[in-house]
Protein backbone atom coordinates (compact mmCIF):
# COMPACT_ATOMS: atom_id res chain seq x y z
CA UNK A 1 61.43 108.47 146.66
CA UNK A 2 60.88 104.74 146.41
CA UNK A 3 62.89 102.78 148.96
CA UNK A 4 65.77 100.82 147.46
CA UNK A 5 65.33 97.03 147.53
CA UNK A 6 69.03 96.51 148.31
CA UNK A 7 70.43 98.17 151.42
CA UNK A 8 73.97 99.27 152.19
CA UNK A 9 75.30 98.95 155.69
CA UNK A 10 75.96 102.60 156.42
CA UNK A 11 77.50 105.28 154.21
CA UNK A 12 80.82 103.50 153.60
CA UNK A 13 82.05 102.02 150.31
CA UNK A 14 84.11 99.04 151.45
CA UNK A 15 81.23 96.54 151.73
CA UNK A 16 79.27 96.21 148.48
CA UNK A 17 76.01 94.20 148.66
CA UNK A 18 76.10 91.25 146.25
CA UNK A 19 72.40 91.74 145.69
CA UNK A 20 73.15 94.81 143.55
CA UNK A 21 74.37 92.55 140.75
CA UNK A 22 71.20 90.44 140.53
CA UNK A 23 68.20 92.50 141.62
CA UNK A 24 65.60 93.36 138.97
CA UNK A 25 64.20 96.41 140.78
CA UNK A 26 67.69 97.85 141.15
CA UNK A 27 68.38 97.31 137.44
CA UNK A 28 65.19 99.17 136.52
CA UNK A 29 66.11 102.09 138.75
CA UNK A 30 69.61 102.21 137.22
CA UNK A 31 68.08 102.82 133.82
CA UNK A 32 66.08 105.78 135.13
CA UNK A 33 68.53 107.32 137.58
CA UNK A 34 71.87 106.60 135.93
CA UNK A 35 71.58 105.98 132.19
CA UNK A 36 68.62 108.31 131.61
CA UNK A 37 69.64 110.48 134.54
CA UNK A 38 72.20 113.27 134.93
CA UNK A 39 75.09 111.49 133.22
CA UNK A 40 76.88 111.68 129.88
CA UNK A 41 76.80 108.37 127.99
CA UNK A 42 79.27 107.59 125.23
CA UNK A 43 77.55 107.15 121.85
CA UNK A 44 80.16 107.01 119.09
CA UNK A 45 83.16 108.76 117.57
CA UNK A 46 82.83 111.93 115.56
CA UNK A 47 85.05 110.14 113.01
CA UNK A 48 82.22 107.63 112.50
CA UNK A 49 79.93 110.43 111.26
CA UNK A 50 82.08 111.92 108.49
CA UNK A 51 79.41 113.59 106.33
CA UNK A 52 75.92 115.03 106.54
CA UNK A 53 73.45 112.15 106.79
CA UNK A 54 75.95 109.74 108.39
CA UNK A 55 74.25 107.95 111.25
CA UNK A 56 74.84 105.22 113.81
CA UNK A 57 72.42 103.41 116.09
CA UNK A 58 73.46 102.59 119.63
CA UNK A 59 72.10 102.59 123.18
CA UNK A 60 71.97 104.70 126.31
CA UNK A 61 71.68 101.93 128.86
CA UNK A 62 68.89 99.82 127.35
CA UNK A 63 67.32 102.72 125.44
CA UNK A 64 67.96 102.53 121.68
CA UNK A 65 69.11 105.81 120.12
CA UNK A 66 70.07 107.25 116.73
CA UNK A 67 73.07 109.55 116.35
CA UNK A 68 73.26 111.50 113.09
CA UNK A 69 75.09 114.45 111.50
CA UNK A 70 72.90 117.04 109.77
CA UNK A 71 73.64 119.54 106.99
CA UNK A 72 74.65 122.18 109.54
CA UNK A 73 77.56 119.98 110.60
CA UNK A 74 76.03 119.43 114.05
CA UNK A 75 75.43 116.01 115.58
CA UNK A 76 71.95 115.16 116.84
CA UNK A 77 70.68 112.26 118.91
CA UNK A 78 67.20 110.96 119.57
CA UNK A 79 65.45 107.87 120.84
CA UNK A 80 65.22 105.15 118.22
CA UNK A 81 61.49 104.79 118.79
CA UNK A 82 58.64 105.80 116.52
CA UNK A 83 56.17 108.14 118.20
CA UNK A 84 53.29 106.14 116.73
CA UNK A 85 53.49 102.57 118.02
CA UNK A 86 57.02 102.41 119.39
CA UNK A 87 58.80 100.48 116.63
CA UNK A 88 62.47 101.14 115.87
CA UNK A 89 62.92 104.01 113.43
CA UNK A 90 66.37 102.99 112.14
CA UNK A 91 67.12 99.28 111.75
CA UNK A 92 70.74 99.34 110.55
CA UNK A 93 73.81 99.82 112.75
CA UNK A 94 75.07 102.61 110.54
CA UNK A 95 74.47 104.21 107.17
CA UNK A 96 73.61 107.34 105.22
CA UNK A 97 70.15 108.91 105.35
CA UNK A 98 68.38 111.99 104.07
CA UNK A 99 65.64 111.26 106.59
CA UNK A 100 64.21 108.31 108.52
CA UNK A 101 60.96 106.43 108.01
CA UNK A 102 59.51 103.81 110.32
CA UNK A 103 58.96 100.58 108.42
CA UNK A 104 55.79 99.74 110.37
CA UNK A 105 53.42 102.59 109.39
CA UNK A 106 55.78 104.88 107.43
CA UNK A 107 55.86 107.79 109.86
CA UNK A 108 58.83 109.98 108.86
CA UNK A 109 61.45 111.94 110.80
CA UNK A 110 64.17 114.37 109.86
CA UNK A 111 67.81 114.10 110.97
CA UNK A 112 67.08 116.05 114.13
CA UNK A 113 64.38 113.63 115.26
CA UNK A 114 61.37 115.80 114.40
CA UNK A 115 58.23 114.05 113.18
CA UNK A 116 57.74 115.39 109.64
CA UNK A 117 55.29 113.02 107.98
CA UNK A 118 52.37 110.75 108.85
CA UNK A 119 51.23 108.34 106.13
CA UNK A 120 47.65 109.14 105.06
CA UNK A 121 47.41 111.81 107.74
CA UNK A 122 44.34 113.23 105.93
CA UNK A 123 42.81 109.80 105.35
CA UNK A 124 41.90 108.17 102.03
CA UNK A 125 39.08 109.50 99.86
CA UNK A 126 37.83 111.62 102.70
CA UNK A 127 37.70 108.79 105.21
CA UNK A 128 39.90 107.98 108.16
CA UNK A 129 43.09 109.82 108.94
CA UNK A 130 44.25 111.69 112.02
CA UNK A 131 41.95 114.17 113.79
CA UNK A 132 42.34 117.85 112.97
CA UNK A 133 43.69 118.44 116.47
CA UNK A 134 46.73 116.23 115.80
CA UNK A 135 49.93 118.29 115.78
CA UNK A 136 53.13 116.65 114.57
CA UNK A 137 55.27 119.09 116.56
CA UNK A 138 53.83 117.64 119.77
CA UNK A 139 54.93 114.11 118.95
CA UNK A 140 58.30 112.56 118.41
CA UNK A 141 61.02 110.50 120.07
CA UNK A 142 62.83 111.92 123.07
CA UNK A 143 65.90 113.94 122.11
CA UNK A 144 69.32 113.86 123.71
CA UNK A 145 71.68 116.64 124.57
CA UNK A 146 74.87 116.02 122.60
CA UNK A 147 78.44 116.85 123.62
CA UNK A 148 81.68 116.27 121.71
CA UNK A 149 85.00 116.12 123.53
CA UNK A 150 88.14 115.29 121.55
CA UNK A 151 86.01 113.50 118.96
CA UNK A 152 84.13 111.43 121.55
CA UNK A 153 80.38 111.95 121.16
CA UNK A 154 78.36 111.75 124.37
CA UNK A 155 74.62 112.03 124.89
CA UNK A 156 72.31 112.69 127.83
CA UNK A 157 68.55 112.68 128.34
CA UNK A 158 68.96 115.04 131.30
CA UNK A 159 68.69 118.81 131.37
CA UNK A 160 70.53 118.83 134.70
CA UNK A 161 73.85 117.28 133.67
CA UNK A 162 76.63 119.91 133.51
CA UNK A 163 78.77 120.56 130.44
CA UNK A 164 80.94 117.64 129.37
CA UNK A 165 84.11 119.44 130.46
CA UNK A 166 82.69 120.12 133.92
CA UNK A 167 81.35 116.58 134.14
CA UNK A 168 84.75 115.08 133.33
CA UNK A 169 86.90 117.52 135.28
CA UNK A 170 90.24 119.02 134.30
CA UNK A 171 92.46 116.00 134.95
CA UNK A 172 90.27 113.48 133.11
CA UNK A 173 89.95 115.91 130.17
CA UNK A 174 93.72 116.25 130.05
CA UNK A 175 94.20 112.48 130.06
CA UNK A 176 91.67 112.04 127.24
CA UNK A 177 93.38 114.76 125.23
CA UNK A 178 96.71 112.98 125.78
CA UNK A 179 95.47 110.07 123.63
CA UNK A 180 92.97 111.79 121.33
CA UNK A 181 95.13 114.79 120.50
CA UNK A 182 94.79 114.42 116.72
CA UNK A 183 92.34 112.89 114.21
CA UNK A 184 91.74 109.16 114.45
CA UNK A 185 90.50 106.43 112.13
CA UNK A 186 88.60 103.28 113.03
CA UNK A 187 90.76 100.24 112.22
CA UNK A 188 88.58 97.53 113.71
CA UNK A 189 85.52 96.83 115.82
CA UNK A 190 83.61 93.97 117.38
CA UNK A 191 81.04 93.24 120.08
CA UNK A 192 81.77 90.94 123.00
CA UNK A 193 79.08 89.23 125.08
CA UNK A 194 79.84 89.07 128.80
CA UNK A 195 78.00 86.63 131.14
CA UNK A 196 77.70 89.08 134.00
CA UNK A 197 76.10 92.27 135.30
CA UNK A 198 77.44 95.48 133.72
CA UNK A 199 78.75 96.78 137.03
CA UNK A 200 81.12 93.83 137.39
CA UNK A 201 82.87 94.75 134.15
CA UNK A 202 83.10 98.44 135.07
CA UNK A 203 84.57 97.47 138.45
CA UNK A 204 87.08 95.26 136.64
CA UNK A 205 88.17 98.17 134.43
CA UNK A 206 88.74 100.33 137.51
CA UNK A 207 90.52 97.59 139.46
CA UNK A 208 94.26 98.25 139.19
CA UNK A 209 94.85 95.62 141.91
CA UNK A 210 93.84 92.67 139.72
CA UNK A 211 95.67 93.52 136.47
CA UNK A 212 99.04 91.89 137.14
CA UNK A 213 97.49 89.07 139.20
CA UNK A 214 94.81 87.82 136.82
CA UNK A 215 96.63 88.55 133.56
CA UNK A 216 99.60 86.21 133.29
CA UNK A 217 100.67 87.91 130.05
CA UNK A 218 101.18 91.25 131.82
CA UNK A 219 103.73 89.92 134.30
CA UNK A 220 105.37 87.31 132.04
CA UNK A 221 106.34 89.95 129.50
CA UNK A 222 106.76 92.72 132.09
CA UNK A 223 104.09 94.99 130.62
CA UNK A 224 102.40 95.72 133.93
CA UNK A 225 103.56 95.03 137.48
CA UNK A 226 102.41 96.74 140.62
CA UNK A 227 106.08 97.48 141.36
CA UNK A 228 106.35 99.61 138.21
CA UNK A 229 106.05 103.37 138.29
CA UNK A 230 102.46 104.50 137.91
CA UNK A 231 99.38 105.52 139.81
CA UNK A 232 95.63 105.92 139.94
CA UNK A 233 93.68 109.14 139.39
CA UNK A 234 90.11 109.41 140.68
CA UNK A 235 88.04 112.54 140.06
CA UNK A 236 86.07 114.27 142.80
CA UNK A 237 82.80 112.54 141.88
CA UNK A 238 84.50 109.16 142.13
CA UNK A 239 82.97 108.03 138.85
CA UNK A 240 85.86 108.69 136.48
CA UNK A 241 89.35 107.25 136.81
CA UNK A 242 92.73 106.75 135.16
CA UNK A 243 95.17 103.95 135.94
CA UNK A 244 98.62 104.26 134.35
CA UNK A 245 102.02 102.60 134.46
CA UNK A 246 105.40 102.62 132.75
CA UNK A 247 107.38 99.60 131.58
CA UNK A 248 110.45 99.35 133.79
CA UNK A 249 112.77 96.30 133.62
CA UNK A 250 114.02 97.17 137.10
CA UNK A 251 110.52 96.49 138.43
CA UNK A 252 110.86 92.77 137.70
CA UNK A 253 111.68 92.01 141.33
CA UNK A 254 110.92 88.89 143.36
CA UNK A 255 107.75 90.24 144.97
CA UNK A 256 105.42 88.13 142.81
CA UNK A 257 107.48 84.93 143.06
CA UNK A 258 107.80 85.25 146.83
CA UNK A 259 104.01 85.09 147.15
CA UNK A 260 103.68 82.10 144.81
CA UNK A 261 101.40 83.93 142.40
CA UNK A 262 100.18 82.17 139.23
CA UNK A 263 100.96 85.29 137.23
CA UNK A 264 104.70 84.90 137.85
CA UNK A 265 106.11 82.26 135.53
CA UNK A 266 108.96 81.73 133.11
CA UNK A 267 107.27 78.86 131.24
CA UNK A 268 105.86 80.89 128.37
CA UNK A 269 107.42 82.53 125.33
CA UNK A 270 106.03 84.15 122.19
CA UNK A 271 106.68 82.48 118.85
CA UNK A 272 106.35 85.93 117.28
CA UNK A 273 107.74 88.55 119.71
CA UNK A 274 107.09 91.30 117.15
CA UNK A 275 103.60 91.72 118.65
CA UNK A 276 105.35 93.60 121.46
CA UNK A 277 107.77 95.50 119.23
CA UNK A 278 106.10 98.88 119.38
CA UNK A 279 107.30 102.44 118.94
CA UNK A 280 107.40 105.45 121.25
CA UNK A 281 104.66 107.98 120.62
CA UNK A 282 103.80 109.27 124.09
CA UNK A 283 106.68 111.23 125.51
CA UNK A 284 105.62 111.01 129.15
CA UNK A 285 106.88 107.43 129.36
CA UNK A 286 103.42 105.98 130.11
CA UNK A 287 103.04 102.66 128.30
CA UNK A 288 99.63 101.74 129.70
CA UNK A 289 96.69 104.03 130.45
CA UNK A 290 93.17 102.84 131.19
CA UNK A 291 90.62 105.65 131.57
CA UNK A 292 86.93 105.32 132.43
CA UNK A 293 84.02 107.76 132.42
CA UNK A 294 80.93 107.00 134.50
CA UNK A 295 78.80 105.11 133.80
CA UNK A 296 80.16 102.94 130.96
CA UNK A 297 82.96 104.36 128.79
CA UNK A 298 86.59 103.24 128.57
CA UNK A 299 89.53 104.69 126.66
CA UNK A 300 92.63 102.53 126.52
CA UNK A 301 96.25 102.89 125.51
CA UNK A 302 98.20 99.66 125.94
CA UNK A 303 101.55 100.37 124.29
CA UNK A 304 100.43 101.33 120.75
CA UNK A 305 97.02 99.63 120.95
CA UNK A 306 94.37 102.35 121.16
CA UNK A 307 90.67 101.59 121.65
CA UNK A 308 87.41 102.81 123.11
CA UNK A 309 84.97 100.48 124.84
CA UNK A 310 81.26 100.98 125.44
CA UNK A 311 79.64 98.99 128.28
CA UNK A 312 75.92 98.29 127.80
CA UNK A 313 73.64 96.37 130.18
CA UNK A 314 71.60 93.68 128.42
CA UNK A 315 70.04 91.95 131.41
CA UNK A 316 70.81 91.22 135.04
CA UNK A 317 73.61 88.84 134.09
CA UNK A 318 74.38 89.92 130.51
CA UNK A 319 76.49 92.78 129.24
CA UNK A 320 77.44 93.90 125.75
CA UNK A 321 80.94 95.30 125.34
CA UNK A 322 81.53 97.21 122.12
CA UNK A 323 85.19 97.60 121.15
CA UNK A 324 86.34 100.17 118.59
CA UNK A 325 90.04 100.08 117.69
CA UNK A 326 91.76 103.27 116.62
CA UNK A 327 94.73 104.49 114.69
CA UNK A 328 95.75 108.04 113.96
CA UNK A 329 94.86 109.41 110.54
CA UNK A 330 98.53 110.24 109.93
CA UNK A 331 99.88 106.78 110.86
CA UNK A 332 102.64 105.50 108.61
CA UNK A 333 102.08 102.03 107.11
CA UNK A 334 104.61 100.66 109.59
CA UNK A 335 102.83 102.23 112.54
CA UNK A 336 99.46 100.92 111.36
CA UNK A 337 100.93 97.41 111.11
CA UNK A 338 102.12 97.65 114.72
CA UNK A 339 98.65 98.73 115.89
CA UNK A 340 96.95 95.90 114.01
CA UNK A 341 99.34 93.34 115.54
CA UNK A 342 98.81 94.71 119.01
CA UNK A 343 95.04 94.37 118.67
CA UNK A 344 95.76 90.76 119.60
CA UNK A 345 96.48 91.92 123.14
CA UNK A 346 92.85 92.75 123.93
CA UNK A 347 89.36 91.47 123.27
CA UNK A 348 87.63 88.15 124.03
CA UNK A 349 90.65 86.12 122.86
CA UNK A 350 93.29 88.76 123.59
CA UNK A 351 96.55 87.76 125.23
CA UNK A 352 95.81 90.24 128.04
CA UNK A 353 92.06 90.73 128.39
CA UNK A 354 90.82 87.22 127.60
CA UNK A 355 90.48 86.61 131.33
CA UNK A 356 88.35 89.72 131.85
CA UNK A 357 85.68 88.15 129.65
CA UNK A 358 85.47 85.17 131.99
CA UNK A 359 86.13 86.44 135.50
CA UNK A 360 82.95 88.54 135.68
CA UNK A 361 81.00 85.38 134.98
CA UNK A 362 82.92 83.62 137.75
CA UNK A 363 81.72 86.30 140.18
CA UNK A 364 78.14 86.23 138.87
CA UNK A 365 78.02 82.46 139.37
CA UNK A 366 79.85 82.61 142.70
CA UNK A 367 77.38 85.02 144.33
CA UNK A 368 74.24 83.16 143.24
CA UNK A 369 73.52 82.02 146.80
CA UNK A 370 74.97 85.05 148.56
CA UNK A 371 72.53 87.84 147.72
CA UNK A 372 72.36 88.95 151.36
CA UNK A 373 76.15 89.08 151.77
CA UNK A 374 78.77 91.61 150.70
CA UNK A 375 82.02 92.02 148.77
CA UNK A 376 85.07 93.38 150.58
CA UNK A 377 86.57 96.40 148.78
CA UNK A 378 89.19 97.52 151.29
CA UNK A 379 92.56 97.38 149.50
CA UNK A 380 94.23 100.73 150.08
CA UNK A 381 91.82 101.72 152.83
CA UNK A 382 88.38 103.26 152.58
CA UNK A 383 89.04 106.44 150.59
CA UNK A 384 88.23 107.28 146.96
CA UNK A 385 91.06 109.67 146.17
CA UNK A 386 93.97 109.39 143.77
CA UNK A 387 96.89 107.14 144.67
CA UNK A 388 100.56 106.93 143.78
CA UNK A 389 100.37 103.14 144.11
CA UNK A 390 98.16 100.66 142.28
CA UNK A 391 97.76 97.97 144.96
CA UNK A 392 94.49 99.65 145.83
CA UNK A 393 90.76 99.58 145.12
CA UNK A 394 90.30 103.32 145.46
CA UNK A 395 88.81 103.73 141.97
CA UNK A 396 86.41 100.82 142.56
CA UNK A 397 85.19 102.59 145.67
CA UNK A 398 85.01 105.73 143.55
CA UNK A 399 82.60 103.98 141.19
CA UNK A 400 80.33 103.09 144.09
CA UNK A 401 80.55 106.65 145.42
CA UNK A 402 79.21 107.97 142.09
CA UNK A 403 76.71 105.09 141.84
CA UNK A 404 75.24 105.79 145.27
CA UNK A 405 75.02 109.51 144.51
CA UNK A 406 73.03 108.93 141.32
CA UNK A 407 70.88 106.19 142.82
CA UNK A 408 70.15 108.19 145.96
CA UNK A 409 71.23 105.44 148.36
């Protein structure tokens, strides 16, 4: 095994080398060992492939892929790369296709990614063409294993990754099913460009410590305080997590004001408070649940705002964040209106998550001269287990536990 260019000081998880966010050799190994390794990567929603021939193009890490439903009702995935000269096979983000043909030299593929046609394979007027030894069955883009859990379509290039249910574990499966317990519809989508390494955003998602400190909106309108009831769930691998809380007016104590925190203020009011006027649909009292699956999937429930997020690396200091907003297929018009209003809470200009789009860039810029130094990830100790409190970085350490396992460091 090739020696890693960035070294950890010992087996612990509380000191994370800053070099991991800016090292080209590390990024290349991540593609091989994590994204194309023994992991399940989120691809799309089953609801986005409603009929035979429906397809979407997306990525597994930096590898372009096609996801398509065939006549047998099954979903197939394969590398979006022509076996001839490597051009993209499908150019559109989504569509309907009987088959696929590369625009470069017109090599053709069926919906399962098999090479079915080579233009002028026998030559023209007895001249040229492919040799008689050429066998189409021996050529084609790499295929993915496909798994569907609660309408979430995952793909893997690995034969070693366990079933999706085993990969997720019982508790994470249960928390996904809590939100995706009935058919959904896509009610909005967009792509957000982040000026930072992909790992910084995934850490941010797992960081329950920052939420009510960075996001002034959370504390001002009492949507999320560390003093509220809630907790953090981390699976045994460390890679998957759930952070949850419950709105509790009694939790609006003086703990934030006593520390002089910027997130505690009474200066701001909403001109239209109806954005927060939701309805109860989860009977466990949880008003906020953020769930992540290693390496780059997020499922959110913030009040009645439901969404999935896909985190894709696009360079050492660039990340693409794909948001897909959801409603249930049986929403009433009034419920759908609430969801559409609450979409304003998240996204690049969202009342809550606007800061998340910037703070990763602050870190990326701040560590530019500190590649040989380390971050301190010690809130809540040095463990990676679940926690009844959220003033902890246990799920961040969990991410690095899974990361080090896959990277072999």
